[in-house]
Amino acid sequence: MLKRLLYLIRDEFGLSRSQARGFLVVAVVMVLCWFGPLTYDRFTSEESTVIPEADSRKADSLLAILEKIQPEKPYYTKSNRAEYSTKEIEENPERPLSLFYFDPNIASATQFEELGMPKFIAERIIKYRTKGGQFRKKEDLQKIYGLAPALYERLEPYINIPEKKPFAATTNPPVPELAFTPAAPKPAFTKPTLTAFDINTADTSQLIRLKGIGSKLAARIVKFRDGLGGFASTTQYTEVFGLDSLALSELNRFAQVRSSVQKISINTDSPEELDRHPYLSRRQSEIIVRYREQHGAYKTPQDLLNIKILDEKLVNKIASYLAF
């Protein structure tokens, strides 16, 4: 499972094996740092805070004193604002108002306040209009939330909403009949024929044209190819993660290996440079360089078989990428 996860990370981000391991370690540490405190707080029991009885009595006495000295004033909320505005009008019938005819579709907030509306009601009407709301008849004004019924009854005789006249139907002039000429037939669409191409120089647009290969899979093939330094054989297509039988069949049919691969210098490259190749791990790269320093330069790929941790299968895979 861990090897498969490391392979996915290397394939997705184009990292070496050692870089993929470091990435996985950092990801695990970040997850622990993020969820560790939450898990600790959830599963550790905390003692409930107990307030001494003396402190509780002091707090109650201070609260009683604050309630006595606080001036009483009405508390307005969204739920009781309409109730208070109704009471205000009913308890003050002689409140001076400037009554005049108005159209709620065009009146300003200042005019609404001059008519005796609270400021928040005037602002609410303006907001309703800016959002596309429209008053088509007098009763529509009652839809404004918070408008007191008593206030509406007082303003109702002064609401003046002009009736909109329907547009007069216009008679279109007769269109002269034109002689019908059949349109020329459109040329039939022909799908471009696929031709063989070089897999080591192809871009994602060429790969997407193959059946079973989308944009994501095409990008993955190109990334794997660039990490290798190019495909040395079509048998390497099976090493690309996510290719099904249809995609492999299309690659074997049209994607050919024509150009040579980029090689690594086995006798001069450092362990870091060797580790960049997907076929070699960090430990294998270090042992290859250490053996070279102790026994001299390699002459053929078979010389690598003297290193115990390298088997014949790995040496045959990487032989095409070695320069001596």
C-alpha atoms as a PDB file:
ATOM      1  CA  MET A   1       0.000   0.000   0.000  1.00  0.00           C
ATOM      2  CA  LEU A   2       2.837   2.409   0.937  1.00  0.00           C
ATOM      3  CA  LYS A   3       4.765   1.613  -2.254  1.00  0.00           C
ATOM      4  CA  ARG A   4       1.649   2.233  -4.357  1.00  0.00           C
ATOM      5  CA  LEU A   5       1.058   5.580  -2.585  1.00  0.00           C
ATOM      6  CA  LEU A   6       4.684   6.618  -3.167  1.00  0.00           C
ATOM      7  CA  TYR A   7       4.359   5.642  -6.828  1.00  0.00           C
ATOM      8  CA  LEU A   8       1.191   7.740  -7.197  1.00  0.00           C
ATOM      9  CA  ILE A   9       2.919  10.768  -5.607  1.00  0.00           C
ATOM     10  CA  ARG A  10       5.951  10.392  -7.891  1.00  0.00           C
ATOM     11  CA  ASP A  11       3.761   9.966 -10.945  1.00  0.00           C
ATOM     12  CA  GLU A  12       1.467  12.905 -10.125  1.00  0.00           C
ATOM     13  CA  PHE A  13       4.141  15.479  -9.148  1.00  0.00           C
ATOM     14  CA  GLY A  14       7.148  14.164 -11.124  1.00  0.00           C
ATOM     15  CA  LEU A  15       9.258  13.632  -7.966  1.00  0.00           C
ATOM     16  CA  SER A  16      12.038  11.201  -7.249  1.00  0.00           C
ATOM     17  CA  ARG A  17      11.537   8.392  -4.775  1.00  0.00           C
ATOM     18  CA  SER A  18      13.306  10.208  -1.933  1.00  0.00           C
ATOM     19  CA  GLN A  19      11.363  13.415  -2.639  1.00  0.00           C
ATOM     20  CA  ALA A  20       8.111  11.448  -2.650  1.00  0.00           C
ATOM     21  CA  ARG A  21       8.934   9.971   0.753  1.00  0.00           C
ATOM     22  CA  GLY A  22       9.738  13.393   2.138  1.00  0.00           C
ATOM     23  CA  PHE A  23       6.476  14.746   0.747  1.00  0.00           C
ATOM     24  CA  LEU A  24       4.538  11.909   2.420  1.00  0.00           C
ATOM     25  CA  VAL A  25       6.262  12.518   5.786  1.00  0.00           C
ATOM     26  CA  VAL A  26       5.482  16.254   5.631  1.00  0.00           C
ATOM     27  CA  ALA A  27       1.836  15.514   4.744  1.00  0.00           C
ATOM     28  CA  VAL A  28       1.472  13.144   7.721  1.00  0.00           C
ATOM     29  CA  VAL A  29       3.023  15.702  10.089  1.00  0.00           C
ATOM     30  CA  MET A  30       0.668  18.423   8.828  1.00  0.00           C
ATOM     31  CA  VAL A  31      -2.366  16.174   9.347  1.00  0.00           C
ATOM     32  CA  LEU A  32      -1.239  15.348  12.903  1.00  0.00           C
ATOM     33  CA  CYS A  33      -0.633  19.022  13.700  1.00  0.00           C
ATOM     34  CA  TRP A  34      -4.050  19.952  12.340  1.00  0.00           C
ATOM     35  CA  PHE A  35      -6.224  17.227  13.857  1.00  0.00           C
ATOM     36  CA  GLY A  36      -4.113  16.387  16.908  1.00  0.00           C
ATOM     37  CA  PRO A  37      -5.383  19.184  19.204  1.00  0.00           C
ATOM     38  CA  LEU A  38      -8.987  18.576  18.138  1.00  0.00           C
ATOM     39  CA  THR A  39      -8.720  14.856  18.854  1.00  0.00           C
ATOM     40  CA  TYR A  40      -6.982  15.523  22.175  1.00  0.00           C
ATOM     41  CA  ASP A  41      -9.688  17.956  23.310  1.00  0.00           C
ATOM     42  CA  ARG A  42     -12.407  15.545  22.269  1.00  0.00           C
ATOM     43  CA  PHE A  43     -11.137  12.471  24.087  1.00  0.00           C
ATOM     44  CA  THR A  44      -9.697  14.107  27.190  1.00  0.00           C
ATOM     45  CA  SER A  45     -12.146  14.917  29.900  1.00  0.00           C
ATOM     46  CA  GLU A  46     -12.042  18.332  31.408  1.00  0.00           C
ATOM     47  CA  GLU A  47     -13.131  19.065  34.876  1.00  0.00           C
ATOM     48  CA  SER A  48     -16.162  21.311  35.044  1.00  0.00           C
ATOM     49  CA  THR A  49     -15.533  24.739  36.424  1.00  0.00           C
ATOM     50  CA  VAL A  50     -17.259  25.169  39.766  1.00  0.00           C
ATOM     51  CA  ILE A  51     -18.077  28.724  40.841  1.00  0.00           C
ATOM     52  CA  PRO A  52     -17.809  29.232  44.584  1.00  0.00           C
ATOM     53  CA  GLU A  53     -21.084  30.046  46.287  1.00  0.00           C
ATOM     54  CA  ALA A  54     -19.712  33.320  47.682  1.00  0.00           C
ATOM     55  CA  ASP A  55     -18.706  34.538  44.209  1.00  0.00           C
ATOM     56  CA  SER A  56     -22.126  33.534  42.883  1.00  0.00           C
ATOM     57  CA  ARG A  57     -23.905  35.621  45.523  1.00  0.00           C
ATOM     58  CA  LYS A  58     -21.667  38.627  44.741  1.00  0.00           C
ATOM     59  CA  ALA A  59     -22.471  38.343  41.012  1.00  0.00           C
ATOM     60  CA  ASP A  60     -26.219  38.189  41.733  1.00  0.00           C
ATOM     61  CA  SER A  61     -26.076  41.277  43.913  1.00  0.00           C
ATOM     62  CA  LEU A  62     -24.102  43.237  41.274  1.00  0.00           C
ATOM     63  CA  LEU A  63     -26.595  42.218  38.606  1.00  0.00           C
ATOM     64  CA  ALA A  64     -29.497  43.448  40.750  1.00  0.00           C
ATOM     65  CA  ILE A  65     -27.775  46.813  41.264  1.00  0.00           C
ATOM     66  CA  LEU A  66     -27.140  47.216  37.509  1.00  0.00           C
ATOM     67  CA  GLU A  67     -30.794  46.452  36.722  1.00  0.00           C
ATOM     68  CA  LYS A  68     -31.934  49.184  39.149  1.00  0.00           C
ATOM     69  CA  ILE A  69     -29.644  51.919  37.813  1.00  0.00           C
ATOM     70  CA  GLN A  70     -30.109  51.049  34.078  1.00  0.00           C
ATOM     71  CA  PRO A  71     -32.654  53.410  32.470  1.00  0.00           C
ATOM     72  CA  GLU A  72     -35.684  51.673  31.080  1.00  0.00           C
ATOM     73  CA  LYS A  73     -36.072  52.006  27.326  1.00  0.00           C
ATOM     74  CA  PRO A  74     -37.784  49.889  24.722  1.00  0.00           C
ATOM     75  CA  TYR A  75     -35.695  47.232  23.027  1.00  0.00           C
ATOM     76  CA  TYR A  76     -36.333  46.977  19.314  1.00  0.00           C
ATOM     77  CA  THR A  77     -35.788  43.723  17.439  1.00  0.00           C
ATOM     78  CA  LYS A  78     -36.819  42.505  14.022  1.00  0.00           C
ATOM     79  CA  SER A  79     -39.792  40.692  15.514  1.00  0.00           C
ATOM     80  CA  ASN A  80     -41.231  43.532  17.626  1.00  0.00           C
ATOM     81  CA  ARG A  81     -40.257  46.566  15.533  1.00  0.00           C
ATOM     82  CA  ALA A  82     -43.615  46.596  13.763  1.00  0.00           C
ATOM     83  CA  GLU A  83     -45.366  46.297  17.116  1.00  0.00           C
ATOM     84  CA  TYR A  84     -43.572  49.329  18.545  1.00  0.00           C
ATOM     85  CA  SER A  85     -44.237  51.427  15.433  1.00  0.00           C
ATOM     86  CA  THR A  86     -47.957  50.563  15.686  1.00  0.00           C
ATOM     87  CA  LYS A  87     -48.073  51.519  19.376  1.00  0.00           C
ATOM     88  CA  GLU A  88     -46.247  54.751  18.654  1.00  0.00           C
ATOM     89  CA  ILE A  89     -48.912  55.835  16.161  1.00  0.00           C
ATOM     90  CA  GLU A  90     -51.840  54.672  18.291  1.00  0.00           C
ATOM     91  CA  GLU A  91     -50.511  56.389  21.455  1.00  0.00           C
ATOM     92  CA  ASN A  92     -49.690  59.622  19.614  1.00  0.00           C
ATOM     93  CA  PRO A  93     -52.684  60.371  17.372  1.00  0.00           C
ATOM     94  CA  GLU A  94     -51.788  64.046  17.237  1.00  0.00           C
ATOM     95  CA  ARG A  95     -48.330  63.377  15.917  1.00  0.00           C
ATOM     96  CA  PRO A  96     -47.660  66.113  13.318  1.00  0.00           C
ATOM     97  CA  LEU A  97     -47.570  64.607   9.818  1.00  0.00           C
ATOM     98  CA  SER A  98     -47.058  66.208   6.421  1.00  0.00           C
ATOM     99  CA  LEU A  99     -49.602  64.353   4.313  1.00  0.00           C
ATOM    100  CA  PHE A 100     -49.474  64.660   0.542  1.00  0.00           C
ATOM    101  CA  TYR A 101     -50.132  62.514  -2.481  1.00  0.00           C
ATOM    102  CA  PHE A 102     -47.214  60.254  -3.323  1.00  0.00           C
ATOM    103  CA  ASP A 103     -46.271  57.389  -5.611  1.00  0.00           C
ATOM    104  CA  PRO A 104     -44.431  54.676  -3.632  1.00  0.00           C
ATOM    105  CA  ASN A 105     -42.589  53.661  -6.803  1.00  0.00           C
ATOM    106  CA  ILE A 106     -40.741  56.978  -7.122  1.00  0.00           C
ATOM    107  CA  ALA A 107     -40.940  58.685  -3.686  1.00  0.00           C
ATOM    108  CA  SER A 108     -37.644  59.235  -1.880  1.00  0.00           C
ATOM    109  CA  ALA A 109     -36.728  58.068   1.618  1.00  0.00           C
ATOM    110  CA  THR A 110     -37.001  61.660   2.868  1.00  0.00           C
ATOM    111  CA  GLN A 111     -40.564  61.952   1.547  1.00  0.00           C
ATOM    112  CA  PHE A 112     -41.514  58.671   3.227  1.00  0.00           C
ATOM    113  CA  GLU A 113     -40.212  59.995   6.547  1.00  0.00           C
ATOM    114  CA  GLU A 114     -42.131  63.267   6.066  1.00  0.00           C
ATOM    115  CA  LEU A 115     -45.279  61.149   5.692  1.00  0.00           C
ATOM    116  CA  GLY A 116     -44.633  59.713   9.146  1.00  0.00           C
ATOM    117  CA  MET A 117     -42.910  56.450   8.241  1.00  0.00           C
ATOM    118  CA  PRO A 118     -40.064  55.290  10.473  1.00  0.00           C
ATOM    119  CA  LYS A 119     -36.642  55.563   8.903  1.00  0.00           C
ATOM    120  CA  PHE A 120     -36.118  51.775   8.728  1.00  0.00           C
ATOM    121  CA  ILE A 121     -39.444  51.362   6.870  1.00  0.00           C
ATOM    122  CA  ALA A 122     -38.452  54.030   4.338  1.00  0.00           C
ATOM    123  CA  GLU A 123     -35.087  52.347   3.805  1.00  0.00           C
ATOM    124  CA  ARG A 124     -36.812  48.980   3.416  1.00  0.00           C
ATOM    125  CA  ILE A 125     -39.082  50.344   0.654  1.00  0.00           C
ATOM    126  CA  ILE A 126     -36.102  51.851  -1.187  1.00  0.00           C
ATOM    127  CA  LYS A 127     -34.240  48.504  -0.921  1.00  0.00           C
ATOM    128  CA  TYR A 128     -37.320  46.665  -2.193  1.00  0.00           C
ATOM    129  CA  ARG A 129     -37.417  48.910  -5.258  1.00  0.00           C
ATOM    130  CA  THR A 130     -33.694  48.603  -6.004  1.00  0.00           C
ATOM    131  CA  LYS A 131     -34.091  44.835  -6.177  1.00  0.00           C
ATOM    132  CA  GLY A 132     -36.769  45.158  -8.851  1.00  0.00           C
ATOM    133  CA  GLY A 133     -39.835  45.342  -6.611  1.00  0.00           C
ATOM    134  CA  GLN A 134     -42.776  47.388  -7.838  1.00  0.00           C
ATOM    135  CA  PHE A 135     -46.079  48.557  -6.348  1.00  0.00           C
ATOM    136  CA  ARG A 136     -48.852  47.966  -8.874  1.00  0.00           C
ATOM    137  CA  LYS A 137     -51.727  48.817  -6.536  1.00  0.00           C
ATOM    138  CA  LYS A 138     -52.182  50.493  -3.164  1.00  0.00           C
ATOM    139  CA  GLU A 139     -52.513  47.207  -1.250  1.00  0.00           C
ATOM    140  CA  ASP A 140     -49.019  46.167  -2.367  1.00  0.00           C
ATOM    141  CA  LEU A 141     -47.583  48.642   0.128  1.00  0.00           C
ATOM    142  CA  GLN A 142     -48.829  46.418   2.960  1.00  0.00           C
ATOM    143  CA  LYS A 143     -46.375  43.748   1.844  1.00  0.00           C
ATOM    144  CA  ILE A 144     -43.527  45.802   3.292  1.00  0.00           C
ATOM    145  CA  TYR A 145     -42.575  43.999   6.486  1.00  0.00           C
ATOM    146  CA  GLY A 146     -42.978  46.169   9.595  1.00  0.00           C
ATOM    147  CA  LEU A 147     -45.399  48.719   8.152  1.00  0.00           C
ATOM    148  CA  ALA A 148     -48.029  49.274  10.838  1.00  0.00           C
ATOM    149  CA  PRO A 149     -51.666  48.770   9.700  1.00  0.00           C
ATOM    150  CA  ALA A 150     -52.670  52.038  11.410  1.00  0.00           C
ATOM    151  CA  LEU A 151     -50.043  53.927   9.441  1.00  0.00           C
ATOM    152  CA  TYR A 152     -51.159  52.331   6.171  1.00  0.00           C
ATOM    153  CA  GLU A 153     -54.808  53.267   6.832  1.00  0.00           C
ATOM    154  CA  ARG A 154     -53.755  56.881   7.379  1.00  0.00           C
ATOM    155  CA  LEU A 155     -51.646  56.999   4.195  1.00  0.00           C
ATOM    156  CA  GLU A 156     -53.925  54.922   1.960  1.00  0.00           C
ATOM    157  CA  PRO A 157     -56.039  57.888   0.658  1.00  0.00           C
ATOM    158  CA  TYR A 158     -52.847  59.670  -0.417  1.00  0.00           C
ATOM    159  CA  ILE A 159     -51.294  56.781  -2.373  1.00  0.00           C
ATOM    160  CA  ASN A 160     -51.371  57.652  -6.043  1.00  0.00           C
ATOM    161  CA  ILE A 161     -50.130  54.925  -8.415  1.00  0.00           C
ATOM    162  CA  PRO A 162     -50.765  55.938 -12.034  1.00  0.00           C
ATOM    163  CA  GLU A 163     -52.135  53.254 -14.295  1.00  0.00           C
ATOM    164  CA  LYS A 164     -49.837  52.105 -17.037  1.00  0.00           C
ATOM    165  CA  LYS A 165     -51.351  52.188 -20.499  1.00  0.00           C
ATOM    166  CA  PRO A 166     -50.685  49.119 -22.606  1.00  0.00           C
ATOM    167  CA  PHE A 167     -48.605  49.656 -25.664  1.00  0.00           C
ATOM    168  CA  ALA A 168     -50.648  50.096 -28.848  1.00  0.00           C
ATOM    169  CA  ALA A 169     -50.258  47.228 -31.188  1.00  0.00           C
ATOM    170  CA  THR A 170     -48.398  48.248 -34.300  1.00  0.00           C
ATOM    171  CA  THR A 171     -49.166  46.791 -37.658  1.00  0.00           C
ATOM    172  CA  ASN A 172     -46.103  45.523 -39.394  1.00  0.00           C
ATOM    173  CA  PRO A 173     -45.873  46.244 -43.112  1.00  0.00           C
ATOM    174  CA  PRO A 174     -46.295  43.213 -45.310  1.00  0.00           C
ATOM    175  CA  VAL A 175     -43.077  41.444 -46.069  1.00  0.00           C
ATOM    176  CA  PRO A 176     -42.570  40.919 -49.784  1.00  0.00           C
ATOM    177  CA  GLU A 177     -42.306  37.314 -50.770  1.00  0.00           C
ATOM    178  CA  LEU A 178     -38.873  36.337 -51.891  1.00  0.00           C
ATOM    179  CA  ALA A 179     -38.069  33.636 -54.339  1.00  0.00           C
ATOM    180  CA  PHE A 180     -36.866  30.554 -52.436  1.00  0.00           C
ATOM    181  CA  THR A 181     -33.483  29.323 -53.430  1.00  0.00           C
ATOM    182  CA  PRO A 182     -32.326  26.129 -51.773  1.00  0.00           C
ATOM    183  CA  ALA A 183     -29.168  26.506 -49.782  1.00  0.00           C
ATOM    184  CA  ALA A 184     -26.116  24.750 -51.001  1.00  0.00           C
ATOM    185  CA  PRO A 185     -25.544  21.481 -49.124  1.00  0.00           C
ATOM    186  CA  LYS A 186     -22.911  21.707 -46.422  1.00  0.00           C
ATOM    187  CA  PRO A 187     -19.894  19.528 -46.956  1.00  0.00           C
ATOM    188  CA  ALA A 188     -20.002  16.376 -44.864  1.00  0.00           C
ATOM    189  CA  PHE A 189     -17.737  16.452 -41.822  1.00  0.00           C
ATOM    190  CA  THR A 190     -14.855  14.102 -42.154  1.00  0.00           C
ATOM    191  CA  LYS A 191     -12.960  13.088 -39.051  1.00  0.00           C
ATOM    192  CA  PRO A 192      -9.219  13.641 -39.474  1.00  0.00           C
ATOM    193  CA  THR A 193      -7.412  10.377 -39.969  1.00  0.00           C
ATOM    194  CA  LEU A 194      -4.883   9.404 -37.331  1.00  0.00           C
ATOM    195  CA  THR A 195      -1.313   8.771 -38.378  1.00  0.00           C
ATOM    196  CA  ALA A 196       1.618   7.324 -36.476  1.00  0.00           C
ATOM    197  CA  PHE A 197       3.738   9.774 -34.479  1.00  0.00           C
ATOM    198  CA  ASP A 198       6.852   9.826 -32.299  1.00  0.00           C
ATOM    199  CA  ILE A 199       5.899   9.331 -28.662  1.00  0.00           C
ATOM    200  CA  ASN A 200       9.069  11.101 -27.456  1.00  0.00           C
ATOM    201  CA  THR A 201       8.217  14.369 -29.243  1.00  0.00           C
ATOM    202  CA  ALA A 202       4.411  14.269 -29.110  1.00  0.00           C
ATOM    203  CA  ASP A 203       2.416  16.760 -27.038  1.00  0.00           C
ATOM    204  CA  THR A 204      -0.852  16.244 -25.158  1.00  0.00           C
ATOM    205  CA  SER A 205      -2.974  17.409 -28.116  1.00  0.00           C
ATOM    206  CA  GLN A 206      -1.753  14.455 -30.185  1.00  0.00           C
ATOM    207  CA  LEU A 207      -2.348  11.992 -27.363  1.00  0.00           C
ATOM    208  CA  ILE A 208      -5.898  13.253 -26.701  1.00  0.00           C
ATOM    209  CA  ARG A 209      -6.886  12.280 -30.255  1.00  0.00           C
ATOM    210  CA  LEU A 210      -6.399   8.618 -29.335  1.00  0.00           C
ATOM    211  CA  LYS A 211      -9.360   6.630 -28.021  1.00  0.00           C
ATOM    212  CA  GLY A 212      -9.462   6.145 -24.271  1.00  0.00           C
ATOM    213  CA  ILE A 213      -7.025   8.994 -23.527  1.00  0.00           C
ATOM    214  CA  GLY A 214      -8.284  12.253 -22.062  1.00  0.00           C
ATOM    215  CA  SER A 215      -6.465  15.438 -21.074  1.00  0.00           C
ATOM    216  CA  LYS A 216      -5.473  14.202 -17.617  1.00  0.00           C
ATOM    217  CA  LEU A 217      -4.174  10.868 -18.873  1.00  0.00           C
ATOM    218  CA  ALA A 218      -2.300  12.553 -21.716  1.00  0.00           C
ATOM    219  CA  ALA A 219      -0.569  14.890 -19.248  1.00  0.00           C
ATOM    220  CA  ARG A 220       0.365  11.883 -17.095  1.00  0.00           C
ATOM    221  CA  ILE A 221       1.949  10.098 -20.090  1.00  0.00           C
ATOM    222  CA  VAL A 222       4.008  13.172 -20.990  1.00  0.00           C
ATOM    223  CA  LYS A 223       5.135  13.660 -17.381  1.00  0.00           C
ATOM    224  CA  PHE A 224       6.216  10.016 -17.071  1.00  0.00           C
ATOM    225  CA  ARG A 225       8.033  10.233 -20.419  1.00  0.00           C
ATOM    226  CA  ASP A 226       9.916  13.385 -19.406  1.00  0.00           C
ATOM    227  CA  GLY A 227      10.902  11.785 -16.093  1.00  0.00           C
ATOM    228  CA  LEU A 228      12.372   8.800 -17.898  1.00  0.00           C
ATOM    229  CA  GLY A 229      14.109  10.921 -20.486  1.00  0.00           C
ATOM    230  CA  GLY A 230      11.972   9.384 -23.219  1.00  0.00           C
ATOM    231  CA  PHE A 231      10.512   5.974 -23.932  1.00  0.00           C
ATOM    232  CA  ALA A 232      13.071   3.391 -25.009  1.00  0.00           C
ATOM    233  CA  SER A 233      10.460   0.766 -25.871  1.00  0.00           C
ATOM    234  CA  THR A 234       6.698   0.561 -26.372  1.00  0.00           C
ATOM    235  CA  THR A 235       6.584  -2.039 -23.593  1.00  0.00           C
ATOM    236  CA  GLN A 236       7.082   0.831 -21.125  1.00  0.00           C
ATOM    237  CA  TYR A 237       3.543   2.095 -21.843  1.00  0.00           C
ATOM    238  CA  THR A 238       2.222  -0.436 -19.333  1.00  0.00           C
ATOM    239  CA  GLU A 239       4.169   1.363 -16.579  1.00  0.00           C
ATOM    240  CA  VAL A 240       2.010   4.498 -16.915  1.00  0.00           C
ATOM    241  CA  PHE A 241      -0.612   4.413 -14.181  1.00  0.00           C
ATOM    242  CA  GLY A 242      -4.269   4.471 -15.296  1.00  0.00           C
ATOM    243  CA  LEU A 243      -3.986   3.139 -18.865  1.00  0.00           C
ATOM    244  CA  ASP A 244      -6.651   0.578 -19.760  1.00  0.00           C
ATOM    245  CA  SER A 245      -6.588  -1.953 -22.583  1.00  0.00           C
ATOM    246  CA  LEU A 246      -8.134   0.480 -25.098  1.00  0.00           C
ATOM    247  CA  ALA A 247      -5.591   3.232 -24.385  1.00  0.00           C
ATOM    248  CA  LEU A 248      -2.688   0.753 -24.541  1.00  0.00           C
ATOM    249  CA  SER A 249      -3.987  -0.602 -27.846  1.00  0.00           C
ATOM    250  CA  GLU A 250      -4.167   2.912 -29.311  1.00  0.00           C
ATOM    251  CA  LEU A 251      -0.652   3.783 -28.081  1.00  0.00           C
ATOM    252  CA  ASN A 252       0.853   0.593 -29.481  1.00  0.00           C
ATOM    253  CA  ARG A 253      -0.889   1.296 -32.789  1.00  0.00           C
ATOM    254  CA  PHE A 254      -0.018   4.968 -33.345  1.00  0.00           C
ATOM    255  CA  ALA A 255       2.690   5.995 -30.797  1.00  0.00           C
ATOM    256  CA  GLN A 256       6.054   4.823 -32.073  1.00  0.00           C
ATOM    257  CA  VAL A 257       9.530   5.160 -30.531  1.00  0.00           C
ATOM    258  CA  ARG A 258      11.534   6.981 -33.180  1.00  0.00           C
ATOM    259  CA  SER A 259      13.890   9.352 -31.358  1.00  0.00           C
ATOM    260  CA  SER A 260      16.575   8.379 -28.859  1.00  0.00           C
ATOM    261  CA  VAL A 261      16.307   8.830 -25.103  1.00  0.00           C
ATOM    262  CA  GLN A 262      18.223  11.204 -22.841  1.00  0.00           C
ATOM    263  CA  LYS A 263      20.959   9.259 -21.062  1.00  0.00           C
ATOM    264  CA  ILE A 264      22.545   9.638 -17.664  1.00  0.00           C
ATOM    265  CA  SER A 265      26.290   9.417 -17.146  1.00  0.00           C
ATOM    266  CA  ILE A 266      26.765   6.485 -14.828  1.00  0.00           C
ATOM    267  CA  ASN A 267      30.453   7.300 -14.254  1.00  0.00           C
ATOM    268  CA  THR A 268      30.192  11.047 -13.505  1.00  0.00           C
ATOM    269  CA  ASP A 269      26.708  11.812 -12.163  1.00  0.00           C
ATOM    270  CA  SER A 270      26.170  12.382  -8.428  1.00  0.00           C
ATOM    271  CA  PRO A 271      23.724  10.364  -6.307  1.00  0.00           C
ATOM    272  CA  GLU A 272      21.236  13.233  -6.494  1.00  0.00           C
ATOM    273  CA  GLU A 273      21.343  13.234 -10.299  1.00  0.00           C
ATOM    274  CA  LEU A 274      20.944   9.456 -10.512  1.00  0.00           C
ATOM    275  CA  ASP A 275      18.048   9.540  -8.047  1.00  0.00           C
ATOM    276  CA  ARG A 276      16.043  11.727 -10.388  1.00  0.00           C
ATOM    277  CA  HIS A 277      15.482   8.772 -12.682  1.00  0.00           C
ATOM    278  CA  PRO A 278      12.251   6.895 -11.819  1.00  0.00           C
ATOM    279  CA  TYR A 279      13.962   3.489 -12.008  1.00  0.00           C
ATOM    280  CA  LEU A 280      16.545   4.257  -9.283  1.00  0.00           C
ATOM    281  CA  SER A 281      15.994   4.950  -5.602  1.00  0.00           C
ATOM    282  CA  ARG A 282      18.112   7.183  -3.399  1.00  0.00           C
ATOM    283  CA  ARG A 283      19.825   4.243  -1.698  1.00  0.00           C
ATOM    284  CA  GLN A 284      20.576   2.519  -4.990  1.00  0.00           C
ATOM    285  CA  SER A 285      22.034   5.755  -6.414  1.00  0.00           C
ATOM    286  CA  GLU A 286      24.333   6.211  -3.400  1.00  0.00           C
ATOM    287  CA  ILE A 287      25.606   2.618  -3.563  1.00  0.00           C
ATOM    288  CA  ILE A 288      26.234   2.893  -7.323  1.00  0.00           C
ATOM    289  CA  VAL A 289      28.412   5.997  -6.777  1.00  0.00           C
ATOM    290  CA  ARG A 290      30.172   4.465  -3.738  1.00  0.00           C
ATOM    291  CA  TYR A 291      31.002   1.276  -5.667  1.00  0.00           C
ATOM    292  CA  ARG A 292      32.272   3.382  -8.570  1.00  0.00           C
ATOM    293  CA  GLU A 293      34.583   5.329  -6.255  1.00  0.00           C
ATOM    294  CA  GLN A 294      35.993   2.105  -4.762  1.00  0.00           C
ATOM    295  CA  HIS A 295      36.332  -0.064  -7.905  1.00  0.00           C
ATOM    296  CA  GLY A 296      36.616   2.415 -10.756  1.00  0.00           C
ATOM    297  CA  ALA A 297      34.385   3.363 -13.652  1.00  0.00           C
ATOM    298  CA  TYR A 298      31.733   1.081 -15.092  1.00  0.00           C
ATOM    299  CA  LYS A 299      32.372  -0.210 -18.594  1.00  0.00           C
ATOM    300  CA  THR A 300      29.151  -2.094 -19.389  1.00  0.00           C
ATOM    301  CA  PRO A 301      25.683  -2.386 -17.814  1.00  0.00           C
ATOM    302  CA  GLN A 302      26.659  -5.895 -16.665  1.00  0.00           C
ATOM    303  CA  ASP A 303      29.195  -4.340 -14.265  1.00  0.00           C
ATOM    304  CA  LEU A 304      26.238  -3.098 -12.200  1.00  0.00           C
ATOM    305  CA  LEU A 305      25.327  -6.707 -11.408  1.00  0.00           C
ATOM    306  CA  ASN A 306      28.322  -6.769  -9.032  1.00  0.00           C
ATOM    307  CA  ILE A 307      26.186  -4.623  -6.698  1.00  0.00           C
ATOM    308  CA  LYS A 308      24.055  -7.002  -4.636  1.00  0.00           C
ATOM    309  CA  ILE A 309      20.989  -4.773  -4.346  1.00  0.00           C
ATOM    310  CA  LEU A 310      20.705  -4.467  -8.159  1.00  0.00           C
ATOM    311  CA  ASP A 311      19.088  -7.438  -9.899  1.00  0.00           C
ATOM    312  CA  GLU A 312      19.218  -8.346 -13.577  1.00  0.00           C
ATOM    313  CA  LYS A 313      15.678  -7.114 -14.249  1.00  0.00           C
ATOM    314  CA  LEU A 314      16.461  -3.586 -13.011  1.00  0.00           C
ATOM    315  CA  VAL A 315      19.766  -3.462 -14.869  1.00  0.00           C
ATOM    316  CA  ASN A 316      18.083  -4.453 -18.155  1.00  0.00           C
ATOM    317  CA  LYS A 317      15.393  -1.752 -17.657  1.00  0.00           C
ATOM    318  CA  ILE A 318      17.882   1.022 -17.040  1.00  0.00           C
ATOM    319  CA  ALA A 319      20.568  -0.106 -19.507  1.00  0.00           C
ATOM    320  CA  SER A 320      19.056   1.955 -22.351  1.00  0.00           C
ATOM    321  CA  TYR A 321      19.467   5.142 -20.280  1.00  0.00           C
ATOM    322  CA  LEU A 322      23.129   4.666 -19.278  1.00  0.00           C
ATOM    323  CA  ALA A 323      26.072   6.419 -20.924  1.00  0.00           C
ATOM    324  CA  PHE A 324      29.581   5.073 -20.185  1.00  0.00           C
END
